[in-house]
Amino acid sequence: MQYDLLIIGGGAAGFFTAINVAENDPSLKIAILERGKEVLSKVRISGGGRCNVTHAEFIPNALSKNYPRGEKELIGPFHTFMTGDTMEWFESRGISLKIEDDGRIFPVSDSSQTIIDCFLSETKRLGIQVLTNHAVKDFYQQNENWKVVTSQGDFETEKLMIATGSNPKIWSKLQALDHHTIDAVPSLFTFNIKDTRIKGLAGVATNASVQVKDSKLFSDGPLLITHWGVSGPAILKLSAWGAIELNSYEYNFEVIVNWLQDYSQEEAIDMLKVLKDKNPKQQVFKYAQFELPKRLWQSLVIASGIENTTRWADTNKSQLNKLSEQLIRCVFKVNGKSTFKEEFVTAGGIDLKEINFKNFESKKHKNLYFAGEVLNIDAITGGFNFQNAWTGGYIAAQAITSKK
C-alpha cells in the first residue's frame, strides 16, 4: 500500500507530526503504525494521569537548560516552536490549559484523556489512518521510496518518520542503515536507601542539596523521603544529569545530603553554638531548628548521639560537631533505583550528530525523519520531554510538507 508519509510509533511525537503534516497539506496520505493494541499509552500515564503538557519557561536558551542530553541542539528548534506555541496549538483546538505554581502546565480537566481525545479526533478529522497491531519488522529504501514491512503487511512511502522512543528492535534496524545509537539507560529515577535515619519518615519533605560522593554530580531543591528511599525534584534532576554515570556504578553509590542547602559545616557549628548560648535549658530534641521538619530534626539529633532529654547547655563539642555533620554532610548509601511513578524516561538514542536539527531529518538518508525520545534527548521532569516531542514533530512536519 502506498503512502506519502508513514510514521512508526503511536506516541505523542508521532501523532503531533501526523496532525501538523495533514493540516499543512490535506491531500497527503498518512498512516501511523503502532505495534500494540493502544496508542498514546505514555500520554495516558504522564503527570500522574493528568498529562504534563509542557513547562512555563518561555525563553529558548533557558528552556534548553533542562535537557541533560540535547541542550545545545534544541536551542535553534526552540526559537521556531516552544512553550507558547504548544499552548496556542492545544488551546486553538479547544483544550484549556493551566500553569501550576511550579511551572508545570496541565489541561484544566486534569485528565490526560483530554489530550488523547484531542489527538484522536484530529486524526479522524484529517483522515489520518491509525493502524494498531502493526509491529514493524523491517524498513529500508527501495528506489526513491521507503519500504516498511509489518506483521500485518507491507507498505511503501515517500517519507518515513521514526517516533518509537527507545525500541531496541527499531534501533537495530537503524544501525543496519548506518545510524549510530547511544545505549539506553534509565533517567528520572528515585534512589533506594535503607537507613535508620530516614526509617519511618516517609512523606517528610524539605529543601536540600545532594551530591554523589567522589563525583561532580550535584543537585538541589525539594527532597522527599519515601518508604524506599528518597525522591523529589532534587533527586530526579540528579538522576537525569547523572543517568550515564550512575548506570556505570550499577546504581550502588553514596550521596551526601546537605539538609541546610547552602551552609558549610563551619557555619552550622557556629549556629549550633549560638543556639546553645540562647537556649541553654531547652531540650535539643524537642524543638526543630533551621526550619527543618520536626521528625527529620529529631532523627538527626539522635544520630548525633544526643539523647532526647539532653539540654543545649549539656551538649559537648563532639556532639555539636556530629550534629553539624548530620546536617551538612549526611552520607547515605544508595542501593538501586525505582522508576518515578509510572513514567519511564531513558537517556540514549540516535546520535545527535547524525540529525539535521533544522528539519529533524537524517543526515544519512533522505526523507527519513525523527522526533521524540528515539533521539538521544531527554529532560528532567516537568513537561520538558513532551516539549521536545512537540518541537521535533512540528519542525519535521514543516519540512515534510515543504519538500514535494
Protein backbone atom coordinates (compact mmCIF):
# COMPACT_ATOMS: atom_id res chain seq x y z
CA MET A 1 0.00 0.00 0.00
CA GLN A 2 1.37 3.39 -1.00
CA TYR A 3 1.55 6.40 1.34
CA ASP A 4 3.05 9.87 1.28
CA LEU A 5 4.11 9.61 4.94
CA LEU A 6 4.34 6.67 7.32
CA ILE A 7 5.05 7.26 10.99
CA ILE A 8 6.41 4.36 13.05
CA GLY A 9 5.27 4.86 16.63
CA GLY A 10 1.84 5.71 18.00
CA GLY A 11 3.01 8.08 20.72
CA ALA A 12 2.96 11.82 21.31
CA ALA A 13 5.64 12.74 18.76
CA GLY A 14 4.11 10.57 16.04
CA PHE A 15 0.59 11.93 16.42
CA PHE A 16 1.79 15.53 16.68
CA THR A 17 3.81 15.15 13.47
CA ALA A 18 0.97 13.50 11.55
CA ILE A 19 -1.60 16.13 12.54
CA ASN A 20 0.66 19.04 11.58
CA VAL A 21 1.57 17.43 8.26
CA ALA A 22 -2.09 16.80 7.41
CA GLU A 23 -3.08 20.34 8.34
CA ASN A 24 -0.34 21.74 6.13
CA ASP A 25 -1.32 19.52 3.20
CA PRO A 26 -4.67 17.69 3.45
CA SER A 27 -4.00 15.90 0.17
CA LEU A 28 -1.26 13.71 1.65
CA LYS A 29 -1.99 10.10 2.55
CA ILE A 30 -0.66 9.49 6.07
CA ALA A 31 -0.65 6.49 8.41
CA ILE A 32 0.62 5.89 11.94
CA LEU A 33 1.90 2.37 12.63
CA GLU A 34 1.62 1.17 16.23
CA ARG A 35 2.85 -2.25 17.31
CA GLY A 36 0.39 -2.60 20.22
CA LYS A 37 -3.37 -2.53 20.66
CA GLU A 38 -3.41 1.00 22.07
CA VAL A 39 -1.88 4.30 21.07
CA LEU A 40 -0.69 7.19 23.24
CA SER A 41 -0.20 4.95 26.27
CA LYS A 42 2.62 7.10 27.61
CA VAL A 43 0.47 10.21 27.33
CA ARG A 44 -2.18 8.42 29.38
CA ILE A 45 0.07 7.85 32.41
CA SER A 46 2.13 11.04 32.20
CA GLY A 47 1.89 13.54 35.01
CA GLY A 48 0.14 11.04 37.24
CA GLY A 49 -2.62 10.65 34.67
CA ARG A 50 -3.01 14.41 34.19
CA CYS A 51 -0.56 14.81 31.26
CA ASN A 52 2.11 17.40 31.95
CA VAL A 53 1.86 19.04 28.51
CA THR A 54 4.84 21.39 28.81
CA HIS A 55 6.55 23.80 31.21
CA ALA A 56 6.13 27.56 31.69
CA GLU A 57 9.62 28.52 30.53
CA PHE A 58 9.30 30.92 27.61
CA ILE A 59 12.93 31.73 26.77
CA PRO A 60 14.58 29.24 24.35
CA ASN A 61 18.04 29.25 25.94
CA ALA A 62 16.60 28.85 29.43
CA LEU A 63 14.26 26.08 28.28
CA SER A 64 17.15 24.14 26.73
CA LYS A 65 18.96 24.11 30.11
CA ASN A 66 16.53 21.43 31.27
CA TYR A 67 17.92 18.82 28.86
CA PRO A 68 20.98 16.86 30.06
CA ARG A 69 21.25 15.48 26.52
CA GLY A 70 20.12 17.76 23.70
CA GLU A 71 20.66 21.17 25.33
CA LYS A 72 22.81 22.61 22.56
CA GLU A 73 20.89 21.01 19.70
CA LEU A 74 17.46 22.23 20.86
CA ILE A 75 18.25 25.93 21.18
CA GLY A 76 17.65 26.56 17.46
CA PRO A 77 14.45 24.45 17.24
CA PHE A 78 13.05 26.16 20.35
CA HIS A 79 13.33 29.50 18.56
CA THR A 80 10.92 28.04 15.99
CA PHE A 81 8.45 26.19 18.23
CA MET A 82 8.38 26.09 22.01
CA THR A 83 6.16 26.54 25.07
CA GLY A 84 3.97 29.41 23.93
CA ASP A 85 3.44 27.77 20.55
CA THR A 86 2.50 24.49 22.25
CA MET A 87 -0.07 26.24 24.43
CA GLU A 88 -1.57 28.03 21.44
CA TRP A 89 -1.69 24.76 19.45
CA PHE A 90 -3.75 22.96 22.08
CA GLU A 91 -5.89 25.94 23.05
CA SER A 92 -6.80 26.55 19.40
CA ARG A 93 -8.25 23.04 19.44
CA GLY A 94 -10.42 23.73 22.44
CA ILE A 95 -8.06 22.43 25.16
CA SER A 96 -7.89 24.82 28.11
CA LEU A 97 -4.52 24.73 29.88
CA LYS A 98 -3.38 25.94 33.28
CA ILE A 99 0.02 26.81 34.74
CA GLU A 100 0.65 25.46 38.24
CA ASP A 101 2.82 27.15 40.86
CA ASP A 102 5.86 25.01 39.99
CA GLY A 103 5.63 25.90 36.28
CA ARG A 104 4.12 22.65 35.06
CA ILE A 105 1.33 23.04 32.51
CA PHE A 106 -1.69 20.71 32.53
CA PRO A 107 -5.09 20.61 30.86
CA VAL A 108 -7.69 22.30 33.06
CA SER A 109 -9.53 18.98 33.10
CA ASP A 110 -6.59 17.41 35.00
CA SER A 111 -7.03 14.38 32.75
CA SER A 112 -4.65 13.00 30.12
CA GLN A 113 -7.72 11.68 28.32
CA THR A 114 -8.37 15.27 27.21
CA ILE A 115 -5.10 15.28 25.25
CA ILE A 116 -5.67 11.77 23.90
CA ASP A 117 -9.18 12.68 22.72
CA CYS A 118 -7.78 15.77 21.02
CA PHE A 119 -5.24 13.73 19.07
CA LEU A 120 -7.73 11.01 18.12
CA SER A 121 -10.39 13.49 16.99
CA GLU A 122 -7.82 15.42 14.95
CA THR A 123 -6.54 12.29 13.19
CA LYS A 124 -10.12 11.33 12.38
CA ARG A 125 -10.98 14.81 11.12
CA LEU A 126 -7.88 14.93 8.92
CA GLY A 127 -8.22 11.39 7.56
CA ILE A 128 -5.01 10.07 9.12
CA GLN A 129 -5.03 6.28 9.40
CA VAL A 130 -4.07 4.84 12.78
CA LEU A 131 -3.05 1.20 12.30
CA THR A 132 -2.66 -0.72 15.57
CA ASN A 133 -1.17 -4.21 15.96
CA HIS A 134 1.26 -3.38 13.17
CA ALA A 135 4.65 -4.43 14.54
CA VAL A 136 7.38 -3.19 12.21
CA LYS A 137 9.75 -5.95 11.18
CA ASP A 138 11.93 -4.04 8.74
CA PHE A 139 12.24 -0.82 6.76
CA TYR A 140 14.65 0.11 4.01
CA GLN A 141 14.99 2.35 0.98
CA GLN A 142 13.72 0.95 -2.29
CA ASN A 143 14.45 3.18 -5.27
CA GLU A 144 13.15 6.62 -4.26
CA ASN A 145 10.77 5.35 -1.59
CA TRP A 146 10.83 3.58 1.75
CA LYS A 147 9.57 0.02 2.11
CA VAL A 148 8.12 -0.86 5.53
CA VAL A 149 7.45 -4.49 6.41
CA THR A 150 4.98 -5.10 9.27
CA SER A 151 3.25 -8.05 10.90
CA GLN A 152 0.10 -7.09 9.01
CA GLY A 153 1.58 -6.48 5.57
CA ASP A 154 3.98 -4.34 3.58
CA PHE A 155 3.78 -0.61 2.92
CA GLU A 156 5.56 1.90 0.71
CA THR A 157 6.01 5.57 1.46
CA GLU A 158 7.85 8.57 0.11
CA LYS A 159 8.71 9.90 3.58
CA LEU A 160 9.26 7.98 6.79
CA MET A 161 9.19 9.24 10.38
CA ILE A 162 10.58 7.25 13.32
CA ALA A 163 8.91 8.20 16.61
CA THR A 164 9.19 4.99 18.62
CA GLY A 165 11.13 6.09 21.69
CA SER A 166 13.65 3.56 22.97
CA ASN A 167 12.58 0.49 20.99
CA PRO A 168 15.60 -1.86 20.69
CA LYS A 169 14.28 -3.58 17.55
CA ILE A 170 13.85 -0.28 15.73
CA TRP A 171 17.28 0.87 16.90
CA SER A 172 18.87 -2.27 15.45
CA LYS A 173 17.20 -1.56 12.10
CA LEU A 174 18.56 1.98 12.19
CA GLN A 175 22.02 0.63 12.97
CA ALA A 176 21.72 -1.52 9.84
CA LEU A 177 21.13 1.75 7.99
CA ASP A 178 24.47 3.06 9.32
CA HIS A 179 22.94 5.17 12.09
CA HIS A 180 24.72 5.08 15.43
CA THR A 181 22.80 4.78 18.68
CA ILE A 182 23.77 5.59 22.24
CA ASP A 183 22.78 2.73 24.54
CA ALA A 184 19.61 3.40 26.51
CA VAL A 185 19.97 3.83 30.26
CA PRO A 186 17.25 4.87 32.74
CA SER A 187 16.77 8.53 33.58
CA LEU A 188 14.36 10.16 36.06
CA PHE A 189 14.50 7.62 38.84
CA THR A 190 14.46 7.70 42.64
CA PHE A 191 17.15 6.35 44.97
CA ASN A 192 16.65 3.26 47.10
CA ILE A 193 18.11 3.78 50.58
CA LYS A 194 17.75 1.71 53.73
CA ASP A 195 18.94 3.79 56.66
CA THR A 196 17.72 4.16 60.24
CA ARG A 197 17.93 7.95 59.96
CA ILE A 198 15.08 8.09 57.45
CA LYS A 199 13.18 4.99 58.51
CA GLY A 200 9.61 5.92 59.39
CA LEU A 201 9.94 9.40 57.83
CA ALA A 202 8.07 8.66 54.57
CA GLY A 203 6.26 11.78 53.41
CA VAL A 204 8.70 14.24 55.02
CA ALA A 205 9.85 16.86 52.51
CA THR A 206 12.35 19.71 52.73
CA ASN A 207 14.79 21.63 50.56
CA ALA A 208 18.28 20.13 50.40
CA SER A 209 21.34 19.85 48.22
CA VAL A 210 22.59 16.44 47.13
CA GLN A 211 25.97 15.40 45.76
CA VAL A 212 27.10 12.00 44.55
CA LYS A 213 30.22 11.26 46.58
CA ASP A 214 33.52 11.41 44.68
CA SER A 215 31.87 12.92 41.59
CA LYS A 216 30.82 16.30 40.19
CA LEU A 217 27.14 15.32 40.14
CA PHE A 218 25.20 17.82 42.23
CA SER A 219 21.61 18.99 42.55
CA ASP A 220 19.44 20.94 44.93
CA GLY A 221 15.78 21.64 45.55
CA PRO A 222 12.87 19.86 47.23
CA LEU A 223 13.73 16.38 48.53
CA LEU A 224 11.07 13.86 49.56
CA ILE A 225 11.69 10.93 51.89
CA THR A 226 9.78 7.84 50.77
CA HIS A 227 9.17 4.31 52.02
CA TRP A 228 12.00 3.06 49.81
CA GLY A 229 14.47 5.96 49.99
CA VAL A 230 14.48 9.49 48.59
CA SER A 231 12.73 11.20 45.71
CA GLY A 232 11.58 14.71 44.78
CA PRO A 233 12.90 17.25 42.24
CA ALA A 234 16.43 17.35 43.70
CA ILE A 235 16.83 13.57 43.25
CA LEU A 236 15.10 13.42 39.87
CA LYS A 237 17.32 16.19 38.49
CA LEU A 238 20.38 14.37 39.79
CA SER A 239 19.26 11.10 38.20
CA ALA A 240 18.67 12.80 34.86
CA TRP A 241 22.01 14.60 34.71
CA GLY A 242 23.82 11.58 36.11
CA ALA A 243 21.96 8.91 34.11
CA ILE A 244 25.02 7.53 32.32
CA GLU A 245 27.46 7.83 35.23
CA LEU A 246 25.06 6.29 37.76
CA ASN A 247 24.38 3.43 35.38
CA SER A 248 28.12 2.77 35.27
CA TYR A 249 28.03 2.47 39.07
CA GLU A 250 25.25 -0.13 38.70
CA TYR A 251 23.22 2.14 40.99
CA ASN A 252 25.41 1.49 44.02
CA PHE A 253 26.98 4.70 45.27
CA GLU A 254 26.94 7.19 48.14
CA VAL A 255 25.23 10.56 48.26
CA ILE A 256 25.99 13.47 50.56
CA VAL A 257 22.88 15.37 51.64
CA ASN A 258 23.15 18.91 52.97
CA TRP A 259 19.85 19.48 54.78
CA LEU A 260 20.70 23.17 55.14
CA GLN A 261 21.49 23.53 51.41
CA ASP A 262 23.85 26.50 51.33
CA TYR A 263 25.53 26.32 54.73
CA SER A 264 29.04 24.99 55.30
CA GLN A 265 29.84 22.76 58.25
CA GLU A 266 31.76 25.58 59.94
CA GLU A 267 28.73 27.88 59.63
CA ALA A 268 26.49 25.15 61.01
CA ILE A 269 28.76 24.67 64.04
CA ASP A 270 28.71 28.43 64.70
CA MET A 271 24.90 28.48 64.51
CA LEU A 272 24.63 25.49 66.86
CA LYS A 273 26.87 27.32 69.38
CA VAL A 274 24.54 30.32 69.17
CA LEU A 275 21.55 28.04 69.84
CA LYS A 276 23.39 26.57 72.83
CA ASP A 277 24.00 30.03 74.27
CA LYS A 278 20.46 31.28 73.62
CA ASN A 279 18.53 28.20 74.74
CA PRO A 280 20.61 26.53 77.48
CA LYS A 281 17.63 24.93 79.27
CA GLN A 282 15.79 23.83 76.13
CA GLN A 283 15.91 20.17 75.10
CA VAL A 284 17.75 19.82 71.78
CA PHE A 285 15.47 17.01 70.60
CA LYS A 286 12.18 18.73 71.37
CA TYR A 287 12.33 21.82 69.14
CA ALA A 288 13.30 21.61 65.47
CA GLN A 289 15.80 24.19 64.20
CA PHE A 290 16.74 25.66 60.79
CA GLU A 291 13.09 25.28 59.66
CA LEU A 292 13.63 21.54 59.25
CA PRO A 293 10.64 19.18 59.60
CA LYS A 294 10.42 18.14 63.25
CA ARG A 295 10.69 14.38 62.65
CA LEU A 296 13.77 14.84 60.46
CA TRP A 297 15.43 17.12 63.01
CA GLN A 298 14.80 14.61 65.80
CA SER A 299 16.21 11.75 63.73
CA LEU A 300 19.40 13.72 63.02
CA VAL A 301 19.74 14.66 66.70
CA ILE A 302 19.55 11.00 67.77
CA ALA A 303 22.02 10.05 65.01
CA SER A 304 24.43 12.59 66.53
CA GLY A 305 24.47 10.74 69.84
CA ILE A 306 22.36 13.34 71.63
CA GLU A 307 19.72 11.84 73.97
CA ASN A 308 16.16 13.08 73.62
CA THR A 309 16.29 14.60 77.13
CA THR A 310 19.62 16.41 76.65
CA ARG A 311 19.50 20.19 77.06
CA TRP A 312 21.52 22.53 74.85
CA ALA A 313 23.63 23.52 77.86
CA ASP A 314 24.66 19.89 78.36
CA THR A 315 25.87 19.26 74.83
CA ASN A 316 29.61 18.91 74.33
CA LYS A 317 31.87 19.85 71.44
CA SER A 318 31.88 16.33 69.99
CA GLN A 319 28.08 16.17 69.92
CA LEU A 320 27.77 19.55 68.22
CA ASN A 321 30.36 18.52 65.64
CA LYS A 322 28.46 15.30 64.94
CA LEU A 323 25.16 17.16 64.68
CA SER A 324 26.67 19.65 62.24
CA GLU A 325 27.95 16.73 60.16
CA GLN A 326 24.49 15.14 60.08
CA LEU A 327 23.05 18.48 58.98
CA ILE A 328 25.65 19.33 56.33
CA ARG A 329 27.32 16.08 55.26
CA CYS A 330 24.71 13.38 55.81
CA VAL A 331 26.05 10.39 53.88
CA PHE A 332 23.64 7.73 52.60
CA LYS A 333 24.37 4.50 50.75
CA VAL A 334 22.23 4.08 47.63
CA ASN A 335 21.45 0.51 46.66
CA GLY A 336 19.39 0.53 43.48
CA LYS A 337 16.75 2.74 41.92
CA SER A 338 13.00 2.88 41.45
CA THR A 339 11.03 4.22 38.49
CA PHE A 340 9.48 7.62 39.14
CA LYS A 341 5.74 6.95 39.46
CA GLU A 342 4.67 5.14 36.27
CA GLU A 343 6.81 7.25 33.98
CA PHE A 344 9.83 5.75 32.28
CA VAL A 345 12.33 8.03 30.60
CA THR A 346 15.62 6.88 29.13
CA ALA A 347 18.81 8.57 28.08
CA GLY A 348 20.15 7.24 24.80
CA GLY A 349 19.02 7.01 21.20
CA ILE A 350 20.15 8.16 17.77
CA ASP A 351 23.45 10.03 17.87
CA LEU A 352 22.57 13.73 17.60
CA LYS A 353 25.47 14.37 15.24
CA GLU A 354 23.55 12.42 12.60
CA ILE A 355 20.45 14.66 12.70
CA ASN A 356 19.84 17.96 10.91
CA PHE A 357 18.06 19.98 13.60
CA LYS A 358 16.76 22.49 11.07
CA ASN A 359 14.29 19.84 9.86
CA PHE A 360 14.84 16.76 12.11
CA GLU A 361 15.86 14.77 9.06
CA SER A 362 18.59 12.14 8.97
CA LYS A 363 21.90 13.37 7.61
CA LYS A 364 22.50 9.88 6.23
CA HIS A 365 19.21 9.12 4.47
CA LYS A 366 16.90 11.37 2.50
CA ASN A 367 13.26 11.56 3.65
CA LEU A 368 13.95 9.81 6.97
CA TYR A 369 12.82 11.89 9.97
CA PHE A 370 12.96 11.51 13.75
CA ALA A 371 11.06 13.01 16.68
CA GLY A 372 10.78 12.39 20.42
CA GLU A 373 12.82 10.06 22.58
CA VAL A 374 14.15 7.95 19.71
CA LEU A 375 16.79 10.69 19.62
CA ASN A 376 19.45 10.89 22.32
CA ILE A 377 17.49 13.67 24.02
CA ASP A 378 15.97 13.56 27.48
CA ALA A 379 14.97 16.06 30.12
CA ILE A 380 14.26 16.48 33.78
CA THR A 381 10.69 16.02 34.96
CA GLY A 382 8.17 18.81 34.48
CA GLY A 383 6.81 18.61 30.92
CA PHE A 384 10.13 19.07 29.15
CA ASN A 385 10.21 15.64 27.47
CA PHE A 386 6.84 16.32 25.85
CA GLN A 387 8.05 19.74 24.69
CA ASN A 388 10.90 18.02 22.87
CA ALA A 389 8.31 15.80 21.14
CA TRP A 390 6.12 18.75 20.14
CA THR A 391 9.05 20.80 18.85
CA GLY A 392 10.57 17.96 16.82
CA GLY A 393 7.20 16.89 15.44
CA TYR A 394 6.24 20.40 14.40
CA ILE A 395 9.55 21.22 12.69
CA ALA A 396 9.66 17.85 10.92
CA ALA A 397 6.08 18.43 9.70
CA GLN A 398 7.03 21.79 8.22
CA ALA A 399 9.98 20.19 6.42
CA ILE A 400 7.95 17.20 5.17
CA THR A 401 5.28 19.41 3.62
CA SER A 402 7.75 21.87 2.11
CA LYS A 403 9.67 19.10 0.27
CA LYS A 404 7.44 17.90 -2.52
